């Protein structure tokens, strides 16, 4: 796999809510992360439609990726499901205050984060295996997935930085558009992980090499 593409794929733990977690917000690491992101967030605030372009640039920024990886590892250790829900309630309430409908998108992002968070906590080995298989076999899709995650993260942080209804409306439009794709990735991962579980069960009970070849679709 192309090394640039490989570097651009974030670890399986980052999520918008984890990078906004109340626990992390009090840490020096999170403050440093936000400080590094400041010019990018300002760019997204000025032009919400540029979020994807900014995300693409960040995917080639080694320092950003290292900060994200460390922050994400910290989040897995410290964040909880209740904190994740509280973060999204805070964001939802911000949009609701201005009568901007973003409920479906928030639910999609939260569902994605909670599912991934639970897999990392309870099913890590199988989840990592599925995730790496996805990256190796579909580097283009993996890069697109990484772009969506980072773009959504930038938009969510930007939404907390503005009090302009016009800006929030533009941010909501971009989030709504990106979460349509994010939902497809969530479903894809769920199906892939369930398929792996079933195949592992069959492999474990295969009585001979011929049965194993059929399971693995080997000629």
Protein backbone atom coordinates (compact mmCIF):
# COMPACT_ATOMS: atom_id res chain seq x y z
CA UNK A 1 0.00 0.00 0.00
CA UNK A 2 1.20 3.53 -0.76
CA UNK A 3 3.00 4.88 2.34
CA UNK A 4 1.37 8.30 2.00
CA UNK A 5 -2.08 6.71 1.97
CA UNK A 6 -1.16 4.51 4.93
CA UNK A 7 -0.02 7.52 6.96
CA UNK A 8 -3.23 9.33 6.06
CA UNK A 9 -5.40 6.65 7.66
CA UNK A 10 -6.17 7.63 11.26
CA UNK A 11 -6.10 5.07 14.05
CA UNK A 12 -9.47 3.36 14.60
CA UNK A 13 -10.12 5.26 17.81
CA UNK A 14 -10.44 8.93 16.77
CA UNK A 15 -13.94 10.32 16.76
CA UNK A 16 -15.41 13.81 16.78
CA UNK A 17 -16.89 13.44 20.24
CA UNK A 18 -13.73 12.03 21.77
CA UNK A 19 -11.69 14.99 20.57
CA UNK A 20 -14.32 17.26 22.15
CA UNK A 21 -14.58 15.28 25.37
CA UNK A 22 -14.90 17.23 28.61
CA UNK A 23 -12.18 15.08 30.13
CA UNK A 24 -9.75 15.88 27.35
CA UNK A 25 -10.69 19.56 27.23
CA UNK A 26 -9.01 19.98 30.61
CA UNK A 27 -5.74 18.42 29.49
CA UNK A 28 -2.61 20.13 28.22
CA UNK A 29 -2.64 17.73 25.29
CA UNK A 30 -6.06 18.88 24.14
CA UNK A 31 -5.13 22.54 24.57
CA UNK A 32 -2.02 21.96 22.44
CA UNK A 33 -4.13 20.13 19.85
CA UNK A 34 -6.62 23.00 19.62
CA UNK A 35 -3.83 25.55 19.42
CA UNK A 36 -2.31 23.66 16.49
CA UNK A 37 -5.73 23.45 14.81
CA UNK A 38 -6.58 27.13 15.40
CA UNK A 39 -5.75 28.42 11.88
CA UNK A 40 -7.57 25.46 10.33
CA UNK A 41 -10.64 26.03 12.48
CA UNK A 42 -10.62 29.72 11.55
CA UNK A 43 -10.49 28.73 7.88
CA UNK A 44 -13.48 26.42 8.32
CA UNK A 45 -15.36 29.14 10.22
CA UNK A 46 -14.76 31.56 7.36
CA UNK A 47 -15.77 28.98 4.77
CA UNK A 48 -17.53 25.84 6.11
CA UNK A 49 -17.57 24.32 2.61
CA UNK A 50 -13.77 24.19 2.77
CA UNK A 51 -13.83 21.60 5.59
CA UNK A 52 -13.06 18.69 3.27
CA UNK A 53 -10.19 20.54 1.61
CA UNK A 54 -8.74 21.40 5.02
CA UNK A 55 -9.14 17.77 6.13
CA UNK A 56 -7.26 16.61 3.04
CA UNK A 57 -4.40 18.97 3.89
CA UNK A 58 -4.31 17.73 7.48
CA UNK A 59 -4.06 14.13 6.29
CA UNK A 60 -0.64 14.96 4.86
CA UNK A 61 0.43 16.80 8.03
CA UNK A 62 2.54 14.40 10.08
CA UNK A 63 2.50 16.54 13.22
CA UNK A 64 -1.28 16.73 13.19
CA UNK A 65 -1.58 12.96 12.75
CA UNK A 66 0.78 12.29 15.65
CA UNK A 67 -1.18 14.68 17.89
CA UNK A 68 -4.44 13.03 16.81
CA UNK A 69 -3.13 9.54 17.52
CA UNK A 70 -1.94 10.48 21.02
CA UNK A 71 -5.14 12.39 21.77
CA UNK A 72 -7.24 9.47 20.56
CA UNK A 73 -5.37 6.99 22.73
CA UNK A 74 -5.92 9.29 25.70
CA UNK A 75 -9.62 9.50 24.84
CA UNK A 76 -10.07 5.73 24.77
CA UNK A 77 -8.56 5.49 28.25
CA UNK A 78 -10.44 8.41 29.81
CA UNK A 79 -13.69 9.06 27.94
CA UNK A 80 -16.98 7.30 28.67
CA UNK A 81 -20.18 6.73 26.72
CA UNK A 82 -22.04 9.20 28.92
CA UNK A 83 -19.43 11.87 28.17
CA UNK A 84 -19.78 11.22 24.47
CA UNK A 85 -23.54 11.66 24.72
CA UNK A 86 -23.13 14.83 26.76
CA UNK A 87 -20.76 16.30 24.16
CA UNK A 88 -23.27 15.75 21.39
CA UNK A 89 -26.09 17.12 23.50
CA UNK A 90 -24.02 20.28 23.96
CA UNK A 91 -23.52 20.57 20.21
CA UNK A 92 -27.15 19.73 19.43
CA UNK A 93 -28.37 22.36 21.91
CA UNK A 94 -26.14 24.97 20.25
CA UNK A 95 -27.83 24.41 16.89
CA UNK A 96 -31.27 24.05 18.48
CA UNK A 97 -30.83 27.47 20.10
CA UNK A 98 -30.77 28.92 16.58
CA UNK A 99 -33.60 26.65 15.33
CA UNK A 100 -31.25 24.70 13.05
CA UNK A 101 -32.16 21.04 12.56
CA UNK A 102 -29.17 18.74 12.91
CA UNK A 103 -30.71 15.97 15.01
CA UNK A 104 -30.40 13.16 12.44
CA UNK A 105 -26.75 13.96 11.77
CA UNK A 106 -25.92 14.06 15.47
CA UNK A 107 -27.56 10.66 15.92
CA UNK A 108 -25.56 9.22 13.02
CA UNK A 109 -22.24 10.52 14.38
CA UNK A 110 -23.06 9.37 17.91
CA UNK A 111 -24.07 5.91 16.66
CA UNK A 112 -20.79 5.65 14.75
CA UNK A 113 -18.72 6.76 17.74
CA UNK A 114 -20.49 4.56 20.28
CA UNK A 115 -20.25 1.46 18.10
CA UNK A 116 -16.55 2.02 17.46
CA UNK A 117 -15.88 2.88 21.10
CA UNK A 118 -17.53 -0.38 22.24
CA UNK A 119 -15.59 -2.46 19.73
CA UNK A 120 -12.30 -0.98 20.92
CA UNK A 121 -13.24 -1.64 24.54
CA UNK A 122 -14.84 -5.08 24.15
CA UNK A 123 -13.85 -6.58 20.79
CA UNK A 124 -10.49 -5.00 20.05
CA UNK A 125 -8.72 -7.87 18.27
CA UNK A 126 -11.53 -8.58 15.79
CA UNK A 127 -12.19 -4.88 15.24
CA UNK A 128 -8.54 -4.09 14.46
CA UNK A 129 -8.35 -7.08 12.12
CA UNK A 130 -11.43 -5.88 10.24
CA UNK A 131 -10.17 -2.30 10.16
CA UNK A 132 -6.75 -3.24 8.81
CA UNK A 133 -8.37 -5.47 6.19
CA UNK A 134 -10.46 -2.47 5.11
CA UNK A 135 -7.37 -0.24 4.84
CA UNK A 136 -5.35 -2.82 2.89
CA UNK A 137 -8.08 -3.82 0.45
CA UNK A 138 -9.76 -0.43 -0.03
CA UNK A 139 -7.16 2.34 0.49
CA UNK A 140 -9.25 4.83 -1.48
CA UNK A 141 -12.32 4.24 0.66
CA UNK A 142 -10.17 4.32 3.80
CA UNK A 143 -8.75 7.69 2.79
CA UNK A 144 -12.23 9.01 2.12
CA UNK A 145 -13.39 7.74 5.52
CA UNK A 146 -10.47 9.52 7.20
CA UNK A 147 -11.30 12.72 5.34
CA UNK A 148 -14.93 12.58 6.48
CA UNK A 149 -13.98 11.99 10.13
CA UNK A 150 -11.55 14.90 10.21
CA UNK A 151 -13.86 17.24 8.29
CA UNK A 152 -16.73 16.49 10.69
CA UNK A 153 -14.43 17.04 13.66
CA UNK A 154 -13.37 20.44 12.28
CA UNK A 155 -16.98 21.45 11.64
CA UNK A 156 -18.10 20.41 15.13
CA UNK A 157 -15.32 22.35 16.80
CA UNK A 158 -16.05 25.34 14.57
CA UNK A 159 -19.73 25.20 15.54
CA UNK A 160 -18.77 25.78 19.17
CA UNK A 161 -16.65 28.79 18.20
CA UNK A 162 -19.33 30.87 16.50
CA UNK A 163 -22.53 32.63 17.48
CA UNK A 164 -23.51 33.46 13.92
CA UNK A 165 -26.72 31.77 12.80
CA UNK A 166 -25.60 32.09 9.18
CA UNK A 167 -22.32 30.30 9.89
CA UNK A 168 -24.07 27.61 11.94
CA UNK A 169 -26.49 27.03 9.09
CA UNK A 170 -23.63 26.51 6.63
CA UNK A 171 -21.82 24.25 9.10
CA UNK A 172 -25.00 22.21 9.61
CA UNK A 173 -25.42 21.78 5.84
CA UNK A 174 -21.88 20.41 5.53
CA UNK A 175 -22.29 18.10 8.52
CA UNK A 176 -25.59 16.79 7.15
CA UNK A 177 -23.98 16.07 3.79
CA UNK A 178 -20.95 14.29 5.25
CA UNK A 179 -22.93 12.18 7.71
CA UNK A 180 -24.88 10.60 4.86
CA UNK A 181 -21.57 9.01 3.84
CA UNK A 182 -20.50 8.34 7.41
CA UNK A 183 -23.65 6.29 8.01
CA UNK A 184 -22.73 4.04 5.08
CA UNK A 185 -19.28 3.42 6.57
CA UNK A 186 -20.86 2.54 9.93
CA UNK A 187 -23.11 -0.04 8.29
CA UNK A 188 -20.21 -1.37 6.20
CA UNK A 189 -18.04 -1.89 9.28
CA UNK A 190 -20.84 -3.56 11.23
CA UNK A 191 -21.56 -5.99 8.39
CA UNK A 192 -17.85 -6.70 7.82
CA UNK A 193 -17.23 -7.42 11.50
CA UNK A 194 -20.24 -9.72 11.75
CA UNK A 195 -19.11 -11.55 8.60
CA UNK A 196 -15.65 -12.03 10.10
CA UNK A 197 -17.19 -13.46 13.26
CA UNK A 198 -19.24 -15.98 11.30
CA UNK A 199 -16.29 -16.99 9.13
CA UNK A 200 -14.09 -17.45 12.20
CA UNK A 201 -16.71 -19.75 13.72
CA UNK A 202 -16.85 -21.87 10.57
CA UNK A 203 -13.06 -21.92 10.23
CA UNK A 204 -12.75 -23.11 13.82
CA UNK A 205 -15.09 -26.04 13.13
CA UNK A 206 -13.86 -26.93 9.62
CA UNK A 207 -13.17 -30.65 9.55
CA UNK A 208 -10.64 -30.67 6.73
CA UNK A 209 -8.66 -28.56 4.29
CA UNK A 210 -11.33 -28.72 1.59
CA UNK A 211 -13.96 -27.24 3.90
CA UNK A 212 -11.55 -24.52 4.95
CA UNK A 213 -10.84 -23.62 1.31
CA UNK A 214 -14.57 -23.27 0.64
CA UNK A 215 -14.97 -20.91 3.58
CA UNK A 216 -12.06 -18.76 2.45
CA UNK A 217 -13.13 -19.01 -1.21
CA UNK A 218 -9.77 -20.43 -2.27
CA UNK A 219 -9.64 -22.27 -5.59
